[in-house]
N, C-alpha and C. Protein backbone atom coordinates (compact mmCIF):
# COMPACT_ATOMS: atom_id res chain seq x y z
N UNK A 1 -14.00 13.81 16.57
CA UNK A 1 -14.50 14.68 15.50
C UNK A 1 -14.93 16.04 16.07
N UNK A 2 -15.51 16.05 17.28
CA UNK A 2 -15.87 17.31 17.91
C UNK A 2 -14.64 18.16 18.20
N UNK A 3 -13.58 17.52 18.65
CA UNK A 3 -12.35 18.27 18.94
C UNK A 3 -11.78 18.88 17.67
N UNK A 4 -11.84 18.14 16.56
CA UNK A 4 -11.36 18.68 15.28
C UNK A 4 -12.15 19.92 14.90
N UNK A 5 -13.45 19.94 15.24
CA UNK A 5 -14.29 21.08 14.94
C UNK A 5 -14.13 22.22 15.95
N UNK A 6 -13.29 22.01 16.99
CA UNK A 6 -13.01 23.08 17.93
C UNK A 6 -13.74 23.01 19.26
N UNK A 7 -14.51 21.93 19.50
CA UNK A 7 -15.23 21.79 20.76
C UNK A 7 -14.28 21.31 21.85
N UNK A 8 -14.41 21.89 23.05
CA UNK A 8 -13.61 21.46 24.21
C UNK A 8 -14.41 20.42 24.98
N UNK A 9 -14.21 19.16 24.66
CA UNK A 9 -14.97 18.08 25.29
C UNK A 9 -14.01 16.98 25.73
N UNK A 10 -14.46 16.18 26.71
CA UNK A 10 -13.68 15.02 27.13
C UNK A 10 -14.54 13.76 27.03
N UNK A 11 -13.96 12.63 27.31
CA UNK A 11 -14.64 11.35 27.15
C UNK A 11 -15.88 11.25 28.05
N UNK A 12 -15.77 11.75 29.30
CA UNK A 12 -16.89 11.65 30.23
C UNK A 12 -18.09 12.46 29.74
N UNK A 13 -17.85 13.64 29.20
CA UNK A 13 -18.94 14.47 28.70
C UNK A 13 -19.66 13.78 27.55
N UNK A 14 -18.90 13.20 26.66
CA UNK A 14 -19.51 12.50 25.51
C UNK A 14 -20.31 11.30 25.98
N UNK A 15 -19.76 10.53 26.93
CA UNK A 15 -20.47 9.37 27.45
C UNK A 15 -21.79 9.79 28.12
N UNK A 16 -21.77 10.91 28.85
CA UNK A 16 -22.98 11.40 29.51
C UNK A 16 -24.04 11.79 28.49
N UNK A 17 -23.61 12.48 27.42
CA UNK A 17 -24.55 12.88 26.38
C UNK A 17 -25.11 11.67 25.63
N UNK A 18 -24.27 10.68 25.41
CA UNK A 18 -24.74 9.46 24.75
C UNK A 18 -25.83 8.79 25.58
N UNK A 19 -25.60 8.73 26.90
CA UNK A 19 -26.60 8.09 27.77
C UNK A 19 -27.90 8.88 27.79
N UNK A 20 -27.80 10.21 27.80
CA UNK A 20 -29.00 11.04 27.81
C UNK A 20 -29.83 10.81 26.55
N UNK A 21 -29.16 10.56 25.44
CA UNK A 21 -29.85 10.33 24.17
C UNK A 21 -30.17 8.86 23.93
N UNK A 22 -29.93 8.04 24.97
CA UNK A 22 -30.21 6.59 24.90
C UNK A 22 -29.39 5.89 23.83
N UNK A 23 -28.20 6.41 23.57
CA UNK A 23 -27.29 5.75 22.64
C UNK A 23 -26.44 4.75 23.41
N UNK A 24 -25.94 3.76 22.71
CA UNK A 24 -25.17 2.71 23.37
C UNK A 24 -23.75 3.18 23.63
N UNK A 25 -23.31 3.05 24.88
CA UNK A 25 -21.92 3.34 25.23
C UNK A 25 -21.18 2.01 25.28
N UNK A 26 -20.19 1.78 24.40
CA UNK A 26 -19.50 0.49 24.37
C UNK A 26 -18.88 0.15 25.72
N UNK A 27 -19.07 -1.08 26.14
CA UNK A 27 -18.50 -1.54 27.41
C UNK A 27 -16.99 -1.69 27.26
N UNK A 28 -16.28 -1.40 28.33
CA UNK A 28 -14.83 -1.57 28.32
C UNK A 28 -14.49 -3.06 28.31
N UNK A 29 -13.55 -3.42 27.47
CA UNK A 29 -13.12 -4.81 27.37
C UNK A 29 -11.66 -4.93 27.74
N UNK A 30 -11.31 -6.11 28.25
CA UNK A 30 -9.92 -6.36 28.57
C UNK A 30 -9.11 -6.40 27.27
N UNK A 31 -8.04 -5.63 27.24
CA UNK A 31 -7.25 -5.53 26.02
C UNK A 31 -6.39 -6.78 25.83
N UNK A 32 -6.27 -7.19 24.58
CA UNK A 32 -5.39 -8.30 24.23
C UNK A 32 -4.35 -7.79 23.25
N UNK A 33 -3.20 -8.43 23.27
CA UNK A 33 -2.14 -8.01 22.36
C UNK A 33 -2.55 -8.33 20.93
N UNK A 34 -2.44 -7.31 20.05
CA UNK A 34 -2.81 -7.54 18.66
C UNK A 34 -1.75 -8.32 17.89
N UNK A 35 -0.50 -8.06 18.20
CA UNK A 35 0.56 -8.60 17.36
C UNK A 35 1.39 -9.66 18.06
N UNK A 36 1.66 -9.50 19.34
CA UNK A 36 2.50 -10.47 20.03
C UNK A 36 1.81 -10.93 21.30
N UNK A 37 2.33 -11.99 21.89
CA UNK A 37 1.78 -12.45 23.15
C UNK A 37 1.57 -13.95 23.14
N UNK A 38 0.94 -14.44 24.22
CA UNK A 38 0.72 -15.88 24.36
C UNK A 38 -0.16 -16.37 23.22
N UNK A 39 0.17 -17.53 22.73
CA UNK A 39 -0.62 -18.13 21.66
C UNK A 39 -0.18 -17.72 20.27
N UNK A 40 0.80 -16.84 20.15
CA UNK A 40 1.28 -16.45 18.83
C UNK A 40 1.90 -17.65 18.14
N UNK A 41 1.68 -17.78 16.84
CA UNK A 41 2.13 -18.97 16.12
C UNK A 41 3.64 -18.97 15.93
N UNK A 42 4.15 -17.97 15.21
CA UNK A 42 5.59 -17.84 15.03
C UNK A 42 5.93 -16.37 15.08
N UNK A 43 7.21 -16.07 15.24
CA UNK A 43 7.63 -14.68 15.26
C UNK A 43 7.30 -14.00 13.94
N UNK A 44 7.56 -14.70 12.83
CA UNK A 44 7.33 -14.09 11.52
C UNK A 44 5.85 -13.84 11.28
N UNK A 45 4.97 -14.77 11.71
CA UNK A 45 3.55 -14.60 11.50
C UNK A 45 2.97 -13.47 12.32
N UNK A 46 3.62 -13.11 13.45
CA UNK A 46 3.08 -12.10 14.33
C UNK A 46 3.75 -10.75 14.15
N UNK A 47 4.55 -10.58 13.11
CA UNK A 47 5.32 -9.36 12.94
C UNK A 47 4.40 -8.16 12.74
N UNK A 48 4.71 -7.01 13.38
CA UNK A 48 3.92 -5.80 13.17
C UNK A 48 4.32 -5.11 11.86
N UNK A 49 3.45 -4.24 11.37
CA UNK A 49 3.75 -3.47 10.17
C UNK A 49 4.77 -2.39 10.50
N UNK A 50 5.82 -2.27 9.69
CA UNK A 50 6.88 -1.29 9.93
C UNK A 50 6.68 -0.01 9.14
N UNK A 51 5.89 -0.07 8.08
CA UNK A 51 5.66 1.09 7.22
C UNK A 51 4.46 0.82 6.34
N UNK A 52 4.02 1.83 5.61
CA UNK A 52 2.90 1.66 4.69
C UNK A 52 3.23 0.60 3.65
N UNK A 53 2.22 -0.19 3.26
CA UNK A 53 2.38 -1.26 2.27
C UNK A 53 3.29 -2.38 2.76
N UNK A 54 3.49 -2.47 4.06
CA UNK A 54 4.27 -3.57 4.62
C UNK A 54 3.36 -4.75 4.91
N UNK A 55 2.31 -4.53 5.70
CA UNK A 55 1.37 -5.59 6.05
C UNK A 55 -0.06 -5.12 5.78
N UNK A 56 -0.75 -5.83 4.92
CA UNK A 56 -2.19 -5.65 4.77
C UNK A 56 -2.87 -6.79 5.51
N UNK A 57 -4.09 -6.59 5.93
CA UNK A 57 -4.87 -7.69 6.50
C UNK A 57 -6.27 -7.65 5.92
N UNK A 58 -6.90 -8.82 5.83
CA UNK A 58 -8.26 -8.86 5.30
C UNK A 58 -9.07 -9.96 5.98
N UNK A 59 -10.40 -9.80 5.88
CA UNK A 59 -11.31 -10.73 6.54
C UNK A 59 -12.69 -10.56 5.93
N UNK A 60 -13.61 -11.44 6.31
CA UNK A 60 -14.98 -11.37 5.83
C UNK A 60 -15.92 -10.87 6.93
N UNK A 61 -16.95 -10.15 6.53
CA UNK A 61 -18.04 -9.72 7.41
C UNK A 61 -19.35 -10.13 6.75
N UNK A 62 -20.27 -10.67 7.55
CA UNK A 62 -21.54 -11.13 7.01
C UNK A 62 -22.66 -10.15 7.35
N UNK A 63 -23.61 -10.01 6.43
CA UNK A 63 -24.80 -9.19 6.67
C UNK A 63 -25.90 -9.71 5.75
N UNK A 64 -27.08 -9.06 5.79
CA UNK A 64 -28.20 -9.47 4.96
C UNK A 64 -28.94 -8.23 4.44
N UNK A 65 -29.56 -8.40 3.29
CA UNK A 65 -30.45 -7.35 2.79
C UNK A 65 -31.83 -7.54 3.42
N UNK A 66 -32.73 -6.60 3.19
CA UNK A 66 -34.04 -6.63 3.83
C UNK A 66 -34.86 -7.86 3.45
N UNK A 67 -34.53 -8.50 2.32
CA UNK A 67 -35.24 -9.72 1.91
C UNK A 67 -34.60 -10.97 2.49
N UNK A 68 -33.68 -10.79 3.46
CA UNK A 68 -33.02 -11.89 4.17
C UNK A 68 -32.00 -12.64 3.31
N UNK A 69 -31.65 -12.09 2.16
CA UNK A 69 -30.62 -12.72 1.35
C UNK A 69 -29.24 -12.32 1.88
N UNK A 70 -28.30 -13.22 1.77
CA UNK A 70 -26.97 -13.02 2.36
C UNK A 70 -26.17 -11.96 1.64
N UNK A 71 -25.40 -11.20 2.43
CA UNK A 71 -24.35 -10.33 1.91
C UNK A 71 -23.04 -10.78 2.52
N UNK A 72 -21.99 -10.73 1.73
CA UNK A 72 -20.66 -11.05 2.25
C UNK A 72 -19.72 -9.92 1.86
N UNK A 73 -19.04 -9.36 2.85
CA UNK A 73 -18.16 -8.23 2.63
C UNK A 73 -16.72 -8.65 2.90
N UNK A 74 -15.84 -8.41 1.93
CA UNK A 74 -14.42 -8.63 2.11
C UNK A 74 -13.78 -7.29 2.44
N UNK A 75 -13.28 -7.15 3.67
CA UNK A 75 -12.65 -5.90 4.10
C UNK A 75 -11.14 -6.06 4.07
N UNK A 76 -10.44 -4.98 3.70
CA UNK A 76 -8.99 -5.02 3.57
C UNK A 76 -8.40 -3.70 4.06
N UNK A 77 -7.39 -3.77 4.94
CA UNK A 77 -6.78 -2.55 5.46
C UNK A 77 -5.26 -2.63 5.39
N UNK A 78 -4.62 -1.46 5.45
CA UNK A 78 -3.17 -1.36 5.64
C UNK A 78 -2.95 -1.20 7.15
N UNK A 79 -2.23 -2.13 7.76
CA UNK A 79 -2.09 -2.12 9.21
C UNK A 79 -1.29 -0.93 9.73
N UNK A 80 -0.44 -0.35 8.92
CA UNK A 80 0.37 0.78 9.38
C UNK A 80 -0.40 2.09 9.32
N UNK A 81 -1.04 2.37 8.19
CA UNK A 81 -1.77 3.63 8.04
C UNK A 81 -3.22 3.52 8.49
N UNK A 82 -3.69 2.31 8.72
CA UNK A 82 -5.08 2.03 9.10
C UNK A 82 -6.08 2.37 7.98
N UNK A 83 -5.60 2.62 6.78
CA UNK A 83 -6.50 2.91 5.67
C UNK A 83 -7.33 1.69 5.30
N UNK A 84 -8.59 1.93 4.98
CA UNK A 84 -9.43 0.90 4.40
C UNK A 84 -9.13 0.84 2.91
N UNK A 85 -8.47 -0.21 2.49
CA UNK A 85 -8.03 -0.32 1.10
C UNK A 85 -9.15 -0.72 0.17
N UNK A 86 -10.08 -1.53 0.67
CA UNK A 86 -11.22 -1.96 -0.15
C UNK A 86 -12.24 -2.63 0.76
N UNK A 87 -13.51 -2.49 0.38
CA UNK A 87 -14.58 -3.31 0.96
C UNK A 87 -15.39 -3.82 -0.21
N UNK A 88 -15.24 -5.08 -0.53
CA UNK A 88 -15.92 -5.68 -1.67
C UNK A 88 -17.19 -6.35 -1.17
N UNK A 89 -18.33 -6.02 -1.77
CA UNK A 89 -19.63 -6.53 -1.33
C UNK A 89 -20.20 -7.45 -2.41
N UNK A 90 -20.49 -8.69 -2.02
CA UNK A 90 -21.07 -9.66 -2.93
C UNK A 90 -22.13 -10.48 -2.19
N UNK A 91 -22.90 -11.23 -2.93
CA UNK A 91 -23.81 -12.19 -2.31
C UNK A 91 -23.03 -13.38 -1.76
N UNK A 92 -22.02 -13.79 -2.49
CA UNK A 92 -21.12 -14.86 -2.06
C UNK A 92 -19.73 -14.53 -2.57
N UNK A 93 -18.74 -15.18 -2.01
CA UNK A 93 -17.36 -14.85 -2.35
C UNK A 93 -16.54 -16.13 -2.47
N UNK A 94 -15.74 -16.21 -3.51
CA UNK A 94 -14.87 -17.36 -3.74
C UNK A 94 -13.41 -16.92 -3.70
N UNK A 95 -12.51 -17.88 -3.82
CA UNK A 95 -11.08 -17.58 -3.87
C UNK A 95 -10.78 -16.68 -5.07
N UNK A 96 -11.49 -16.88 -6.18
CA UNK A 96 -11.29 -16.03 -7.36
C UNK A 96 -11.64 -14.58 -7.06
N UNK A 97 -12.71 -14.38 -6.28
CA UNK A 97 -13.09 -13.01 -5.89
C UNK A 97 -12.04 -12.38 -5.00
N UNK A 98 -11.43 -13.18 -4.12
CA UNK A 98 -10.36 -12.68 -3.25
C UNK A 98 -9.17 -12.23 -4.10
N UNK A 99 -8.80 -13.03 -5.09
CA UNK A 99 -7.70 -12.66 -5.99
C UNK A 99 -8.03 -11.37 -6.75
N UNK A 100 -9.27 -11.27 -7.24
CA UNK A 100 -9.67 -10.06 -7.98
C UNK A 100 -9.59 -8.82 -7.09
N UNK A 101 -10.01 -8.96 -5.83
CA UNK A 101 -9.96 -7.82 -4.90
C UNK A 101 -8.51 -7.42 -4.63
N UNK A 102 -7.67 -8.39 -4.38
CA UNK A 102 -6.25 -8.10 -4.15
C UNK A 102 -5.62 -7.45 -5.38
N UNK A 103 -5.92 -7.99 -6.56
CA UNK A 103 -5.35 -7.45 -7.79
C UNK A 103 -5.77 -6.00 -8.00
N UNK A 104 -7.02 -5.69 -7.69
CA UNK A 104 -7.51 -4.32 -7.85
C UNK A 104 -6.72 -3.35 -6.98
N UNK A 105 -6.48 -3.72 -5.71
CA UNK A 105 -5.77 -2.82 -4.80
C UNK A 105 -4.28 -2.78 -5.14
N UNK A 106 -3.70 -3.90 -5.52
CA UNK A 106 -2.29 -3.94 -5.91
C UNK A 106 -2.06 -3.05 -7.13
N UNK A 107 -2.98 -3.07 -8.09
CA UNK A 107 -2.84 -2.22 -9.27
C UNK A 107 -2.85 -0.74 -8.90
N UNK A 108 -3.58 -0.39 -7.83
CA UNK A 108 -3.67 1.00 -7.40
C UNK A 108 -2.47 1.42 -6.56
N UNK A 109 -1.99 0.53 -5.68
CA UNK A 109 -1.02 0.90 -4.66
C UNK A 109 0.31 0.18 -4.73
N UNK A 110 0.40 -0.84 -5.56
CA UNK A 110 1.58 -1.69 -5.54
C UNK A 110 1.37 -2.83 -4.56
N UNK A 111 2.19 -3.84 -4.67
CA UNK A 111 2.02 -5.03 -3.84
C UNK A 111 2.60 -4.81 -2.45
N UNK A 112 1.91 -5.30 -1.41
CA UNK A 112 2.47 -5.23 -0.06
C UNK A 112 3.52 -6.33 0.12
N UNK A 113 4.28 -6.24 1.20
CA UNK A 113 5.24 -7.32 1.48
C UNK A 113 4.54 -8.54 2.08
N UNK A 114 3.49 -8.28 2.88
CA UNK A 114 2.79 -9.37 3.56
C UNK A 114 1.29 -9.11 3.57
N UNK A 115 0.51 -10.20 3.64
CA UNK A 115 -0.93 -10.10 3.86
C UNK A 115 -1.28 -11.05 5.00
N UNK A 116 -1.96 -10.50 6.02
CA UNK A 116 -2.34 -11.29 7.19
C UNK A 116 -3.82 -11.67 7.10
N UNK A 117 -4.13 -12.92 7.48
CA UNK A 117 -5.52 -13.37 7.46
C UNK A 117 -5.68 -14.58 8.37
N UNK A 118 -6.94 -15.00 8.53
CA UNK A 118 -7.20 -16.25 9.22
C UNK A 118 -7.04 -17.40 8.23
N UNK A 119 -7.46 -18.58 8.63
CA UNK A 119 -7.26 -19.77 7.79
C UNK A 119 -8.54 -20.17 7.05
N UNK A 120 -9.37 -19.19 6.71
CA UNK A 120 -10.57 -19.49 5.96
C UNK A 120 -10.24 -20.10 4.60
N UNK A 121 -11.13 -20.93 4.08
CA UNK A 121 -10.83 -21.64 2.82
C UNK A 121 -10.53 -20.71 1.65
N UNK A 122 -11.16 -19.53 1.60
CA UNK A 122 -10.90 -18.61 0.50
C UNK A 122 -9.51 -18.00 0.59
N UNK A 123 -8.94 -17.94 1.82
CA UNK A 123 -7.63 -17.32 2.02
C UNK A 123 -6.48 -18.31 1.86
N UNK A 124 -6.74 -19.58 2.16
CA UNK A 124 -5.65 -20.56 2.07
C UNK A 124 -5.73 -21.38 0.78
N UNK A 125 -6.66 -21.00 -0.11
CA UNK A 125 -6.79 -21.72 -1.38
C UNK A 125 -5.50 -21.66 -2.17
N UNK A 126 -5.20 -22.75 -2.87
CA UNK A 126 -3.97 -22.82 -3.65
C UNK A 126 -3.85 -21.71 -4.67
N UNK A 127 -4.96 -21.35 -5.31
CA UNK A 127 -4.93 -20.30 -6.32
C UNK A 127 -4.53 -18.96 -5.72
N UNK A 128 -5.02 -18.66 -4.51
CA UNK A 128 -4.67 -17.41 -3.83
C UNK A 128 -3.19 -17.41 -3.47
N UNK A 129 -2.71 -18.52 -2.92
CA UNK A 129 -1.29 -18.61 -2.55
C UNK A 129 -0.39 -18.47 -3.77
N UNK A 130 -0.76 -19.10 -4.88
CA UNK A 130 0.06 -19.02 -6.09
C UNK A 130 0.09 -17.60 -6.63
N UNK A 131 -1.07 -16.93 -6.60
CA UNK A 131 -1.13 -15.56 -7.10
C UNK A 131 -0.25 -14.65 -6.26
N UNK A 132 -0.33 -14.79 -4.93
CA UNK A 132 0.49 -13.97 -4.05
C UNK A 132 1.98 -14.24 -4.27
N UNK A 133 2.33 -15.50 -4.42
CA UNK A 133 3.73 -15.85 -4.64
C UNK A 133 4.25 -15.21 -5.92
N UNK A 134 3.42 -15.21 -6.96
CA UNK A 134 3.83 -14.61 -8.23
C UNK A 134 4.03 -13.10 -8.10
N UNK A 135 3.31 -12.49 -7.14
CA UNK A 135 3.43 -11.04 -6.91
C UNK A 135 4.49 -10.71 -5.87
N UNK A 136 5.13 -11.74 -5.30
CA UNK A 136 6.15 -11.52 -4.28
C UNK A 136 5.57 -11.17 -2.92
N UNK A 137 4.32 -11.57 -2.66
CA UNK A 137 3.64 -11.28 -1.39
C UNK A 137 3.74 -12.50 -0.48
N UNK A 138 4.16 -12.28 0.76
CA UNK A 138 4.22 -13.36 1.74
C UNK A 138 2.93 -13.40 2.55
N UNK A 139 2.47 -14.62 2.88
CA UNK A 139 1.24 -14.78 3.66
C UNK A 139 1.58 -14.91 5.14
N UNK A 140 0.74 -14.29 5.98
CA UNK A 140 0.86 -14.39 7.44
C UNK A 140 -0.48 -14.89 7.96
N UNK A 141 -0.52 -16.14 8.39
CA UNK A 141 -1.77 -16.73 8.87
C UNK A 141 -1.79 -16.74 10.39
N UNK A 142 -2.92 -16.34 10.97
CA UNK A 142 -3.06 -16.36 12.42
C UNK A 142 -3.43 -17.77 12.86
N UNK A 143 -3.33 -18.04 14.16
CA UNK A 143 -3.72 -19.33 14.69
C UNK A 143 -5.22 -19.52 14.58
N UNK A 144 -5.67 -20.73 14.35
CA UNK A 144 -7.10 -21.02 14.26
C UNK A 144 -7.79 -20.66 15.57
N UNK A 145 -8.95 -20.02 15.47
CA UNK A 145 -9.71 -19.65 16.65
C UNK A 145 -9.10 -18.53 17.45
N UNK A 146 -8.22 -17.71 16.84
CA UNK A 146 -7.56 -16.61 17.55
C UNK A 146 -7.72 -15.30 16.78
N UNK A 147 -8.95 -14.80 16.67
CA UNK A 147 -9.18 -13.58 15.87
C UNK A 147 -8.44 -12.37 16.40
N UNK A 148 -8.13 -12.34 17.73
CA UNK A 148 -7.40 -11.19 18.27
C UNK A 148 -6.00 -11.06 17.69
N UNK A 149 -5.47 -12.13 17.10
CA UNK A 149 -4.16 -12.04 16.46
C UNK A 149 -4.23 -11.26 15.15
N UNK A 150 -5.44 -11.04 14.67
CA UNK A 150 -5.65 -10.19 13.50
C UNK A 150 -6.43 -8.95 13.95
N UNK A 151 -5.91 -8.31 15.01
CA UNK A 151 -6.66 -7.30 15.73
C UNK A 151 -7.00 -6.06 14.94
N UNK A 152 -6.15 -5.64 14.01
CA UNK A 152 -6.42 -4.41 13.26
C UNK A 152 -7.66 -4.55 12.39
N UNK A 153 -7.76 -5.66 11.66
CA UNK A 153 -8.94 -5.84 10.81
C UNK A 153 -10.16 -6.13 11.65
N UNK A 154 -9.99 -6.82 12.79
CA UNK A 154 -11.12 -7.06 13.69
C UNK A 154 -11.66 -5.75 14.23
N UNK A 155 -10.77 -4.82 14.58
CA UNK A 155 -11.19 -3.51 15.07
C UNK A 155 -11.95 -2.75 13.99
N UNK A 156 -11.42 -2.76 12.77
CA UNK A 156 -12.10 -2.07 11.67
C UNK A 156 -13.47 -2.68 11.42
N UNK A 157 -13.55 -4.01 11.41
CA UNK A 157 -14.83 -4.67 11.16
C UNK A 157 -15.85 -4.33 12.24
N UNK A 158 -15.37 -4.19 13.49
CA UNK A 158 -16.27 -3.81 14.57
C UNK A 158 -16.85 -2.42 14.36
N UNK A 159 -16.01 -1.49 13.90
CA UNK A 159 -16.49 -0.13 13.61
C UNK A 159 -17.48 -0.15 12.45
N UNK A 160 -17.16 -0.91 11.41
CA UNK A 160 -18.06 -1.03 10.26
C UNK A 160 -19.41 -1.58 10.70
N UNK A 161 -19.38 -2.57 11.58
CA UNK A 161 -20.63 -3.16 12.07
C UNK A 161 -21.43 -2.15 12.90
N UNK A 162 -20.76 -1.49 13.85
CA UNK A 162 -21.46 -0.57 14.76
C UNK A 162 -21.96 0.68 14.05
N UNK A 163 -21.17 1.20 13.11
CA UNK A 163 -21.46 2.51 12.53
C UNK A 163 -22.25 2.46 11.24
N UNK A 164 -22.35 1.27 10.62
CA UNK A 164 -23.10 1.18 9.36
C UNK A 164 -24.03 -0.03 9.33
N UNK A 165 -23.46 -1.23 9.43
CA UNK A 165 -24.26 -2.43 9.20
C UNK A 165 -25.38 -2.59 10.22
N UNK A 166 -25.12 -2.23 11.47
CA UNK A 166 -26.16 -2.36 12.50
C UNK A 166 -27.14 -1.19 12.47
N UNK A 167 -26.79 -0.14 11.74
CA UNK A 167 -27.63 1.06 11.70
C UNK A 167 -28.50 1.13 10.45
N UNK A 168 -28.12 0.41 9.40
CA UNK A 168 -28.80 0.55 8.12
C UNK A 168 -29.22 -0.81 7.57
N UNK A 169 -30.48 -0.92 7.16
CA UNK A 169 -30.97 -2.11 6.47
C UNK A 169 -30.92 -1.86 4.97
N UNK A 170 -30.12 -2.63 4.26
CA UNK A 170 -29.98 -2.47 2.82
C UNK A 170 -31.13 -3.17 2.11
N UNK A 171 -31.71 -2.50 1.14
CA UNK A 171 -32.81 -3.09 0.38
C UNK A 171 -32.34 -3.90 -0.83
N UNK A 172 -31.08 -3.69 -1.23
CA UNK A 172 -30.56 -4.41 -2.39
C UNK A 172 -29.05 -4.48 -2.31
N UNK A 173 -28.48 -5.34 -3.14
CA UNK A 173 -27.03 -5.44 -3.23
C UNK A 173 -26.44 -4.12 -3.73
N UNK A 174 -27.10 -3.51 -4.72
CA UNK A 174 -26.59 -2.25 -5.27
C UNK A 174 -26.53 -1.17 -4.21
N UNK A 175 -27.57 -1.07 -3.38
CA UNK A 175 -27.58 -0.07 -2.32
C UNK A 175 -26.46 -0.34 -1.33
N UNK A 176 -26.24 -1.60 -0.99
CA UNK A 176 -25.17 -1.95 -0.05
C UNK A 176 -23.81 -1.54 -0.59
N UNK A 177 -23.57 -1.79 -1.88
CA UNK A 177 -22.29 -1.44 -2.49
C UNK A 177 -22.04 0.07 -2.40
N UNK A 178 -23.06 0.87 -2.71
CA UNK A 178 -22.92 2.33 -2.71
C UNK A 178 -22.68 2.85 -1.30
N UNK A 179 -23.48 2.41 -0.33
CA UNK A 179 -23.38 2.94 1.03
C UNK A 179 -22.11 2.46 1.73
N UNK A 180 -21.68 1.24 1.46
CA UNK A 180 -20.44 0.74 2.05
C UNK A 180 -19.25 1.51 1.52
N UNK A 181 -19.24 1.81 0.22
CA UNK A 181 -18.13 2.59 -0.33
C UNK A 181 -18.14 4.01 0.21
N UNK A 182 -19.33 4.57 0.41
CA UNK A 182 -19.43 5.90 1.02
C UNK A 182 -18.86 5.88 2.43
N UNK A 183 -19.16 4.82 3.19
CA UNK A 183 -18.61 4.70 4.54
C UNK A 183 -17.09 4.60 4.49
N UNK A 184 -16.57 3.82 3.55
CA UNK A 184 -15.12 3.63 3.44
C UNK A 184 -14.42 4.96 3.17
N UNK A 185 -14.97 5.75 2.30
CA UNK A 185 -14.36 7.05 1.99
C UNK A 185 -14.44 7.99 3.20
N UNK A 186 -15.56 7.97 3.89
CA UNK A 186 -15.69 8.80 5.08
C UNK A 186 -14.69 8.36 6.15
N UNK A 187 -14.55 7.07 6.32
CA UNK A 187 -13.61 6.53 7.31
C UNK A 187 -12.18 6.95 6.98
N UNK A 188 -11.80 6.86 5.72
CA UNK A 188 -10.43 7.17 5.33
C UNK A 188 -10.11 8.66 5.40
N UNK A 189 -11.04 9.49 4.98
CA UNK A 189 -10.72 10.91 4.76
C UNK A 189 -11.24 11.86 5.84
N UNK A 190 -12.18 11.42 6.66
CA UNK A 190 -12.79 12.34 7.62
C UNK A 190 -12.83 11.83 9.06
N UNK A 191 -12.82 10.54 9.26
CA UNK A 191 -12.99 10.00 10.61
C UNK A 191 -11.65 9.99 11.35
N UNK A 192 -11.51 10.76 12.45
CA UNK A 192 -10.25 10.75 13.20
C UNK A 192 -9.99 9.37 13.80
N UNK A 193 -8.72 8.99 13.84
CA UNK A 193 -8.32 7.70 14.40
C UNK A 193 -7.41 7.95 15.59
N UNK A 194 -7.79 7.43 16.76
CA UNK A 194 -7.04 7.72 17.99
C UNK A 194 -5.60 7.26 17.91
N UNK A 195 -5.35 6.14 17.21
CA UNK A 195 -3.99 5.61 17.12
C UNK A 195 -3.11 6.45 16.19
N UNK A 196 -3.72 7.36 15.43
CA UNK A 196 -2.98 8.20 14.48
C UNK A 196 -3.00 9.66 14.94
N UNK A 197 -3.02 9.89 16.25
CA UNK A 197 -3.08 11.23 16.84
C UNK A 197 -4.30 11.99 16.31
N UNK A 198 -5.41 11.26 16.19
CA UNK A 198 -6.70 11.81 15.76
C UNK A 198 -6.70 12.34 14.33
N UNK A 199 -5.79 11.83 13.52
CA UNK A 199 -5.83 12.14 12.09
C UNK A 199 -6.63 11.06 11.37
N UNK A 200 -7.35 11.39 10.31
CA UNK A 200 -7.96 10.36 9.47
C UNK A 200 -6.86 9.54 8.79
N UNK A 201 -7.09 8.27 8.53
CA UNK A 201 -6.05 7.42 7.94
C UNK A 201 -5.44 7.96 6.65
N UNK A 202 -6.26 8.48 5.76
CA UNK A 202 -5.73 8.99 4.48
C UNK A 202 -4.82 10.19 4.71
N UNK A 203 -5.17 11.06 5.66
CA UNK A 203 -4.33 12.22 5.96
C UNK A 203 -3.01 11.77 6.58
N UNK A 204 -3.08 10.79 7.48
CA UNK A 204 -1.86 10.24 8.07
C UNK A 204 -0.97 9.63 7.00
N UNK A 205 -1.56 8.87 6.07
CA UNK A 205 -0.78 8.25 5.00
C UNK A 205 -0.11 9.30 4.13
N UNK A 206 -0.80 10.39 3.86
CA UNK A 206 -0.22 11.46 3.05
C UNK A 206 0.96 12.10 3.77
N UNK A 207 0.86 12.30 5.07
CA UNK A 207 1.96 12.88 5.84
C UNK A 207 3.17 11.95 5.86
N UNK A 208 2.92 10.65 6.01
CA UNK A 208 4.01 9.68 6.00
C UNK A 208 4.72 9.70 4.65
N UNK A 209 3.94 9.70 3.56
CA UNK A 209 4.52 9.72 2.21
C UNK A 209 5.32 10.99 1.97
N UNK A 210 4.79 12.14 2.44
CA UNK A 210 5.49 13.42 2.27
C UNK A 210 6.80 13.42 3.03
N UNK A 211 6.81 12.85 4.22
CA UNK A 211 8.03 12.78 5.02
C UNK A 211 9.09 11.92 4.35
N UNK A 212 8.66 10.80 3.79
CA UNK A 212 9.59 9.90 3.09
C UNK A 212 10.16 10.60 1.86
N UNK A 213 9.31 11.31 1.12
CA UNK A 213 9.76 12.01 -0.09
C UNK A 213 10.77 13.12 0.25
N UNK A 214 10.49 13.86 1.33
CA UNK A 214 11.40 14.95 1.72
C UNK A 214 12.75 14.39 2.18
N UNK A 215 12.71 13.24 2.87
CA UNK A 215 13.95 12.61 3.32
C UNK A 215 14.77 12.12 2.15
N UNK A 216 14.11 11.52 1.15
CA UNK A 216 14.83 11.00 -0.02
C UNK A 216 15.44 12.12 -0.84
N UNK A 217 14.72 13.27 -0.94
CA UNK A 217 15.24 14.40 -1.70
C UNK A 217 16.44 15.03 -1.00
N UNK A 218 16.42 15.02 0.34
CA UNK A 218 17.53 15.58 1.10
C UNK A 218 18.77 14.72 0.94
């Protein structure tokens, strides 16, 4: 974000400033393959996204309000554009809520070809599978106990945790809904993404769409 604003900085300078301000510098972790590699279930289940609306992925994140009551967040992203498609915040979540969240995003963007998830009961429920089948959506399930196989949503959830959930104590469900949606919009439209040549996901998605449109017109 500093580079976008015109500052000439590098990673070491930022890390030094973070330490001076007593901010946490994330420890380097050994990288694991997000899409392919040892332990992959099948070739089809591990397929990478080839274009926008090809593969979506979703997962749950847990948090609490200040009164210690549970919050459950359903996060959903497009693996190609890295856009946050939705973050649904509830006290609890059922398979019906998962269908409603999917339907909301499908109505806005059209149906994806695939949706990747773990084997949680809300994701493998018969009602969810039937709804996806009716929409022509194929399911891609990762191996049990292998969250790195759903690396894109895991990465997004980590950012959401570090940049919002660990920084802010919500006093109510309503406050959580408002602030989470504000974070989602900031993430999509303003936060540079290193995998997208430091473009925000929404800007990258717009460029991809414009390129496709210009090619089709030609």
